Amino acid sequence: MKRHLISAADLTRDDAVLILDTAEEMARIADRPIKKLPTLRGRTICNLFFEDSTRTRISFEAAEKRLSADVINFAAKGSSVSKGESLKDTAQTLEAMGVDAVVIRHGASGAPYRLATSGWIDAPVINAGDGTHQHPTQALLDAFTMRRRLVGKGALGQDLAGKRITLVGDVLHSRVARSNVDLLHTLGAEVTLVAPPTLIPVGVESWPCEISYGLDEVLPKSDAVMMLRVQRERMNAAFFPTEREYSRRYGLDGARMAKMPEHAIVMHPGPMVRGMEITAEVADSDRCTVVEQVANGVSIRMAVLYLLLGGSEPAVTTSTAPAHPSPTTTLAGDAARRPSTPATEETK
């Protein structure tokens, strides 16, 4: 693993599979009465969010707390940023406070890269979404969900070779689409983008994917279909005639879902706009993985934080007597070393 996680394109196949395998073990923690690991005890992580977020911010916070880290939540609203403070001054303030890692979401593409390479702060930087550029942990949790559904749970060491993934909707403004194209290609999947011509980015020909302007002909050969939200907050022009027209041509309803192979799944990074890109019938069906993606997001972010901050010990071992402890054995060993005392509110 590199020092920072800025872009899905920075990950090699081995990097990505290591994160997915580590997340597989982290997912077991969620089934325990005490969902805690001592791995990051004493570390301080700042969630630096300059844009509104629900799933990503809460997911990172849950992951950090399950790893026993101390968490600082920063929101631009109500902070000195609203008074004109720059990213540099904010970063230097965090550096002075001694944070050990920064999770940043910013409306400007490239802000996490700037933070990681400027020398303003000496801590790992994790990109939680920057403008229309990248959202690497979203791509990782999507790939984790696909591997679990299409390959099988516990498929350690395996990638998504040969799987056919279709991304539908507002590709132009979607950092999720860019991240998924990069990561899924690295993992061996075949990716197809489906969107109106006005919502296809310039230069997409150089991306490692296929382009289609019609949804119906792609569905029968897709193993997973990811619907993208139409990001009206980033639009400064009319990219399609009406919402009804967009939904008719590019929305996923029950009739279209029936054209997909029986094993195929429907995905959405959220938040969903029901009735536009996806109907309630599809969103609430057993084939839709939206809730799974949220749960898997915590496991993936635990894995990323563990690998960036947890030291050099591997998280997943396959031998019966591992030379290095995994998160599971670390938790068990920590519990064994602890004196047998009644649980208090502080130790629960």
Protein backbone atom coordinates (compact mmCIF):
# COMPACT_ATOMS: atom_id res chain seq x y z
CA MET A 1 0.00 0.00 0.00
CA LYS A 2 1.14 3.52 -0.81
CA ARG A 3 1.17 6.24 1.84
CA HIS A 4 -2.01 7.92 0.53
CA LEU A 5 -5.20 6.78 -1.23
CA ILE A 6 -6.04 9.53 -3.70
CA SER A 7 -7.21 7.71 -6.83
CA ALA A 8 -8.41 4.23 -7.75
CA ALA A 9 -6.01 4.42 -10.69
CA ASP A 10 -3.10 4.38 -8.22
CA LEU A 11 -3.96 0.85 -7.08
CA THR A 12 -2.36 -2.20 -8.66
CA ARG A 13 -4.26 -5.46 -8.89
CA ASP A 14 -2.36 -6.77 -5.85
CA ASP A 15 -3.15 -3.59 -3.89
CA ALA A 16 -6.85 -3.84 -4.70
CA VAL A 17 -7.12 -7.57 -3.94
CA LEU A 18 -5.26 -7.05 -0.65
CA ILE A 19 -7.81 -4.41 0.38
CA LEU A 20 -10.74 -6.63 -0.65
CA ASP A 21 -9.29 -9.61 1.22
CA THR A 22 -8.64 -7.49 4.31
CA ALA A 23 -12.21 -6.16 4.16
CA GLU A 24 -13.48 -9.75 4.05
CA GLU A 25 -11.92 -10.33 7.45
CA MET A 26 -13.05 -6.95 8.76
CA ALA A 27 -16.63 -7.87 7.81
CA ARG A 28 -16.54 -10.66 10.40
CA ILE A 29 -16.17 -8.06 13.14
CA ALA A 30 -19.66 -6.74 12.37
CA ASP A 31 -21.18 -10.05 13.47
CA ARG A 32 -19.65 -9.88 16.96
CA PRO A 33 -21.27 -8.47 20.09
CA ILE A 34 -18.34 -6.06 20.52
CA LYS A 35 -17.47 -4.59 17.12
CA LYS A 36 -14.03 -3.33 18.10
CA LEU A 37 -10.38 -3.89 17.21
CA PRO A 38 -7.52 -2.27 19.16
CA THR A 39 -5.47 -1.66 16.01
CA LEU A 40 -5.60 2.16 15.90
CA ARG A 41 -5.87 2.84 19.62
CA GLY A 42 -4.16 6.16 20.37
CA ARG A 43 -4.34 7.35 16.73
CA THR A 44 -6.31 10.48 15.81
CA ILE A 45 -8.11 10.70 12.46
CA CYS A 46 -9.78 13.85 11.13
CA ASN A 47 -12.74 13.64 8.77
CA LEU A 48 -12.35 16.85 6.76
CA PHE A 49 -15.61 17.33 4.85
CA PHE A 50 -16.07 20.45 2.73
CA GLU A 51 -19.16 18.95 1.02
CA ASP A 52 -22.37 17.54 2.44
CA SER A 53 -22.35 13.79 3.00
CA THR A 54 -24.29 11.16 4.91
CA ARG A 55 -23.13 7.68 3.89
CA THR A 56 -19.44 8.39 3.35
CA ARG A 57 -18.90 10.48 6.48
CA ILE A 58 -20.79 8.15 8.80
CA SER A 59 -19.18 5.10 7.18
CA PHE A 60 -15.67 6.47 7.76
CA GLU A 61 -16.53 7.45 11.31
CA ALA A 62 -17.92 3.98 12.06
CA ALA A 63 -14.80 2.36 10.56
CA GLU A 64 -12.48 4.58 12.58
CA LYS A 65 -14.30 3.91 15.84
CA ARG A 66 -14.40 0.15 15.24
CA LEU A 67 -10.60 0.32 14.94
CA SER A 68 -10.49 2.23 18.27
CA ALA A 69 -9.18 5.48 16.75
CA ASP A 70 -9.96 8.90 18.16
CA VAL A 71 -12.15 10.78 15.66
CA ILE A 72 -12.39 14.50 14.84
CA ASN A 73 -15.28 15.46 12.57
CA PHE A 74 -14.77 18.70 10.64
CA ALA A 75 -17.53 20.31 8.58
CA ALA A 76 -16.95 23.40 6.47
CA LYS A 77 -20.26 24.86 7.57
CA GLY A 78 -19.77 26.44 10.97
CA SER A 79 -15.97 26.42 10.68
CA SER A 80 -13.42 29.11 9.82
CA VAL A 81 -13.71 28.04 6.17
CA SER A 82 -16.97 30.01 6.06
CA LYS A 83 -14.89 33.05 7.08
CA GLY A 84 -12.48 32.57 4.19
CA GLU A 85 -9.82 30.27 5.67
CA SER A 86 -7.84 28.42 2.99
CA LEU A 87 -7.24 24.69 2.70
CA LYS A 88 -3.57 25.31 3.52
CA ASP A 89 -4.34 27.07 6.79
CA THR A 90 -6.88 24.40 7.76
CA ALA A 91 -4.32 21.66 7.03
CA GLN A 92 -1.62 23.39 9.04
CA THR A 93 -4.03 23.77 11.94
CA LEU A 94 -4.66 20.01 11.88
CA GLU A 95 -0.92 19.35 11.65
CA ALA A 96 -0.35 21.49 14.74
CA MET A 97 -2.97 19.41 16.57
CA GLY A 98 -1.09 16.21 15.69
CA VAL A 99 -3.63 14.27 13.63
CA ASP A 100 -2.39 10.91 12.30
CA ALA A 101 -4.55 10.74 9.14
CA VAL A 102 -6.96 12.93 7.19
CA VAL A 103 -10.05 11.79 5.31
CA ILE A 104 -11.03 14.61 2.96
CA ARG A 105 -14.06 15.34 0.78
CA HIS A 106 -13.84 18.50 -1.28
CA GLY A 107 -15.79 20.10 -4.09
CA ALA A 108 -12.63 20.95 -6.04
CA SER A 109 -11.08 18.18 -8.11
CA GLY A 110 -7.48 17.67 -7.03
CA ALA A 111 -7.80 19.03 -3.48
CA PRO A 112 -6.83 15.70 -1.79
CA TYR A 113 -3.80 15.37 -4.09
CA ARG A 114 -2.76 18.91 -3.23
CA LEU A 115 -3.11 18.18 0.47
CA ALA A 116 -1.08 14.96 0.16
CA THR A 117 1.79 16.44 -1.85
CA SER A 118 2.07 20.02 -0.59
CA GLY A 119 3.94 19.33 2.63
CA TRP A 120 1.30 21.19 4.64
CA ILE A 121 0.57 18.08 6.68
CA ASP A 122 2.64 14.99 7.48
CA ALA A 123 -0.09 12.35 7.61
CA PRO A 124 -1.73 9.87 5.22
CA VAL A 125 -4.53 11.41 3.15
CA ILE A 126 -7.58 9.42 2.04
CA ASN A 127 -9.76 10.85 -0.71
CA ALA A 128 -13.46 10.61 0.21
CA GLY A 129 -14.53 12.30 -3.03
CA ASP A 130 -13.17 15.35 -4.86
CA GLY A 131 -15.30 17.24 -7.34
CA THR A 132 -15.92 15.14 -10.46
CA HIS A 133 -12.53 13.42 -10.18
CA GLN A 134 -12.28 10.36 -7.91
CA HIS A 135 -13.94 8.47 -5.04
CA PRO A 136 -11.66 5.43 -4.53
CA THR A 137 -13.25 3.90 -1.42
CA GLN A 138 -16.65 3.91 -3.16
CA ALA A 139 -15.15 1.98 -6.07
CA LEU A 140 -13.54 -0.46 -3.62
CA LEU A 141 -16.79 -1.11 -1.75
CA ASP A 142 -18.59 -1.58 -5.08
CA ALA A 143 -15.96 -4.10 -6.20
CA PHE A 144 -16.18 -5.84 -2.82
CA THR A 145 -19.97 -6.14 -3.19
CA MET A 146 -19.61 -7.47 -6.75
CA ARG A 147 -17.01 -10.05 -5.72
CA ARG A 148 -19.18 -11.29 -2.86
CA ARG A 149 -22.30 -11.57 -5.04
CA LEU A 150 -20.77 -12.76 -8.33
CA VAL A 151 -17.75 -14.80 -7.16
CA GLY A 152 -18.71 -15.75 -3.62
CA LYS A 153 -18.04 -14.75 -0.03
CA GLY A 154 -14.59 -15.60 1.18
CA ALA A 155 -13.14 -15.62 -2.36
CA LEU A 156 -9.74 -14.52 -1.09
CA GLY A 157 -7.15 -13.66 -3.70
CA GLN A 158 -9.68 -13.50 -6.54
CA ASP A 159 -10.52 -10.55 -8.77
CA LEU A 160 -13.41 -9.82 -11.17
CA ALA A 161 -11.84 -11.20 -14.34
CA GLY A 162 -14.42 -11.73 -17.09
CA LYS A 163 -17.31 -10.06 -15.26
CA ARG A 164 -19.31 -7.59 -17.33
CA ILE A 165 -20.24 -4.41 -15.48
CA THR A 166 -22.50 -1.67 -16.85
CA LEU A 167 -22.58 1.88 -15.46
CA VAL A 168 -25.65 3.91 -16.45
CA GLY A 169 -26.45 7.61 -16.19
CA ASP A 170 -24.64 10.85 -15.45
CA VAL A 171 -21.08 9.76 -16.24
CA LEU A 172 -20.00 13.32 -17.01
CA HIS A 173 -20.30 14.55 -13.42
CA SER A 174 -19.68 11.24 -11.66
CA ARG A 175 -16.47 10.63 -9.68
CA VAL A 176 -17.95 7.21 -8.84
CA ALA A 177 -18.00 6.29 -12.54
CA ARG A 178 -14.38 7.36 -13.05
CA SER A 179 -13.19 5.46 -10.00
CA ASN A 180 -15.12 2.33 -10.92
CA VAL A 181 -13.84 2.30 -14.49
CA ASP A 182 -10.25 2.49 -13.25
CA LEU A 183 -10.60 -0.12 -10.49
CA LEU A 184 -12.80 -2.60 -12.35
CA HIS A 185 -10.41 -2.57 -15.30
CA THR A 186 -7.52 -3.23 -12.90
CA LEU A 187 -9.48 -6.18 -11.47
CA GLY A 188 -10.06 -7.64 -14.94
CA ALA A 189 -13.73 -6.75 -15.47
CA GLU A 190 -15.23 -5.56 -18.75
CA VAL A 191 -16.89 -2.16 -18.23
CA THR A 192 -19.54 -0.48 -20.40
CA LEU A 193 -20.77 3.09 -19.91
CA VAL A 194 -24.36 3.87 -20.94
CA ALA A 195 -25.54 7.48 -21.07
CA PRO A 196 -26.96 10.19 -23.34
CA PRO A 197 -24.24 11.71 -25.57
CA THR A 198 -24.48 14.95 -23.56
CA LEU A 199 -23.52 13.12 -20.35
CA ILE A 200 -20.45 11.36 -21.76
CA PRO A 201 -17.15 13.15 -20.91
CA VAL A 202 -14.78 14.49 -23.54
CA GLY A 203 -11.84 12.14 -23.99
CA VAL A 204 -13.74 9.05 -22.80
CA GLU A 205 -12.25 7.20 -25.77
CA SER A 206 -9.04 6.84 -23.80
CA TRP A 207 -10.80 5.19 -20.84
CA PRO A 208 -10.51 1.38 -20.54
CA CYS A 209 -14.19 0.76 -21.27
CA GLU A 210 -16.86 0.51 -23.96
CA ILE A 211 -19.48 3.20 -24.70
CA SER A 212 -23.17 2.64 -25.51
CA TYR A 213 -26.03 5.10 -25.95
CA GLY A 214 -28.75 2.48 -25.56
CA LEU A 215 -29.53 0.62 -22.34
CA ASP A 216 -31.78 -2.21 -23.54
CA GLU A 217 -29.21 -3.94 -25.73
CA VAL A 218 -26.58 -4.00 -22.93
CA LEU A 219 -28.73 -5.41 -20.10
CA PRO A 220 -28.93 -9.07 -21.26
CA LYS A 221 -25.13 -9.44 -21.12
CA SER A 222 -24.48 -7.60 -17.85
CA ASP A 223 -23.46 -9.29 -14.59
CA ALA A 224 -23.96 -6.06 -12.64
CA VAL A 225 -25.74 -2.82 -13.53
CA MET A 226 -24.89 0.30 -11.56
CA MET A 227 -27.28 3.21 -11.83
CA LEU A 228 -25.75 6.66 -11.32
CA ARG A 229 -27.57 9.61 -9.84
CA VAL A 230 -28.22 12.61 -12.08
CA GLN A 231 -26.20 15.30 -10.29
CA ARG A 232 -28.27 18.40 -10.85
CA GLU A 233 -26.19 20.39 -8.34
CA ARG A 234 -23.22 20.15 -10.73
CA MET A 235 -25.14 20.90 -13.91
CA ASN A 236 -25.00 24.34 -15.50
CA ALA A 237 -26.97 23.53 -18.66
CA ALA A 238 -29.85 21.39 -19.95
CA PHE A 239 -28.25 17.99 -20.66
CA PHE A 240 -31.54 16.22 -21.52
CA PRO A 241 -35.05 17.45 -22.46
CA THR A 242 -37.06 16.38 -19.39
CA GLU A 243 -36.83 14.04 -16.41
CA ARG A 244 -39.58 11.92 -17.94
CA GLU A 245 -37.62 11.51 -21.17
CA TYR A 246 -34.45 10.60 -19.28
CA SER A 247 -36.32 8.04 -17.17
CA ARG A 248 -37.95 6.50 -20.24
CA ARG A 249 -34.64 5.96 -22.03
CA TYR A 250 -32.16 5.41 -19.19
CA GLY A 251 -34.17 4.52 -16.08
CA LEU A 252 -34.20 0.99 -14.71
CA ASP A 253 -37.67 -0.43 -14.06
CA GLY A 254 -39.04 -3.92 -13.51
CA ALA A 255 -39.42 -4.66 -17.22
CA ARG A 256 -35.83 -3.76 -17.93
CA MET A 257 -34.57 -5.66 -14.89
CA ALA A 258 -36.30 -8.77 -16.25
CA LYS A 259 -33.99 -8.60 -19.30
CA MET A 260 -30.93 -9.06 -17.10
CA PRO A 261 -29.46 -12.54 -16.45
CA GLU A 262 -30.89 -14.25 -13.36
CA HIS A 263 -27.63 -13.91 -11.41
CA ALA A 264 -27.15 -10.23 -12.28
CA ILE A 265 -27.35 -7.56 -9.58
CA VAL A 266 -28.47 -3.93 -9.49
CA MET A 267 -26.26 -1.39 -7.72
CA HIS A 268 -26.44 2.30 -6.82
CA PRO A 269 -23.88 4.44 -4.96
CA GLY A 270 -26.64 6.54 -3.38
CA PRO A 271 -28.46 8.69 -2.74
CA MET A 272 -31.13 7.27 -5.05
CA VAL A 273 -33.66 9.44 -6.87
CA ARG A 274 -36.55 7.00 -7.02
CA GLY A 275 -38.73 7.31 -10.07
CA MET A 276 -36.00 8.86 -12.21
CA GLU A 277 -32.94 6.64 -12.61
CA ILE A 278 -34.45 3.72 -10.69
CA THR A 279 -38.00 2.72 -9.76
CA ALA A 280 -39.10 1.74 -6.27
CA GLU A 281 -39.85 -1.77 -7.54
CA VAL A 282 -36.19 -2.27 -8.54
CA ALA A 283 -34.72 -0.41 -5.56
CA ASP A 284 -36.62 -2.64 -3.11
CA SER A 285 -36.00 -5.93 -4.93
CA ASP A 286 -33.72 -8.72 -3.69
CA ARG A 287 -31.39 -8.08 -6.63
CA CYS A 288 -30.62 -4.54 -5.49
CA THR A 289 -27.49 -4.29 -3.31
CA VAL A 290 -27.77 -0.70 -2.05
CA VAL A 291 -28.02 -1.64 1.64
CA GLU A 292 -25.23 -4.21 1.24
CA GLN A 293 -23.02 -1.54 -0.30
CA VAL A 294 -23.50 0.66 2.76
CA ALA A 295 -22.56 -2.19 5.12
CA ASN A 296 -19.61 -3.19 2.94
CA GLY A 297 -18.42 0.42 2.92
CA VAL A 298 -17.59 0.19 6.63
CA SER A 299 -15.55 -2.99 6.09
CA ILE A 300 -13.67 -1.50 3.14
CA ARG A 301 -12.84 1.70 5.00
CA MET A 302 -11.69 -0.30 8.01
CA ALA A 303 -9.40 -2.24 5.68
CA VAL A 304 -7.97 0.92 4.09
CA LEU A 305 -7.33 2.55 7.47
CA TYR A 306 -5.84 -0.68 8.83
CA LEU A 307 -3.43 -1.00 5.90
CA LEU A 308 -2.42 2.68 5.90
CA LEU A 309 -2.05 3.11 9.66
CA GLY A 310 -1.96 -0.32 11.23
CA GLY A 311 1.68 -1.08 10.51
CA SER A 312 3.39 -3.62 8.29
CA GLU A 313 1.70 -6.75 9.67
CA PRO A 314 -0.56 -8.45 7.10
CA ALA A 315 -4.23 -8.41 7.94
CA VAL A 316 -5.11 -11.68 6.24
CA THR A 317 -3.10 -14.87 6.69
CA THR A 318 -3.84 -18.27 5.24
CA SER A 319 -1.56 -20.50 7.31
CA THR A 320 -2.84 -22.24 10.42
CA ALA A 321 -0.08 -20.74 12.55
CA PRO A 322 0.44 -17.23 11.18
CA ALA A 323 3.76 -15.53 11.79
CA HIS A 324 1.92 -12.21 12.09
CA PRO A 325 -1.44 -11.63 13.75
CA SER A 326 -4.51 -10.82 11.68
CA PRO A 327 -7.11 -8.36 13.01
CA THR A 328 -9.02 -11.34 14.42
CA THR A 329 -6.05 -12.82 16.25
CA THR A 330 -5.02 -9.34 17.39
CA LEU A 331 -8.44 -8.87 18.97
CA ALA A 332 -8.33 -12.30 20.61
CA GLY A 333 -4.81 -11.75 21.90
CA ASP A 334 -5.68 -8.35 23.28
CA ALA A 335 -8.66 -9.80 25.11
CA ALA A 336 -6.53 -12.61 26.54
CA ARG A 337 -3.97 -10.18 27.92
CA ARG A 338 -6.61 -8.03 29.57
CA PRO A 339 -7.44 -8.68 33.22
CA SER A 340 -10.83 -10.21 33.82
CA THR A 341 -12.77 -7.20 35.07
CA PRO A 342 -16.47 -6.42 34.90
CA ALA A 343 -17.51 -4.35 31.90
CA THR A 344 -18.07 -0.69 32.60
CA GLU A 345 -19.46 2.03 30.42
CA GLU A 346 -15.90 2.97 29.51
CA THR A 347 -14.85 -0.55 28.53
CA LYS A 348 -18.01 -1.64 26.72
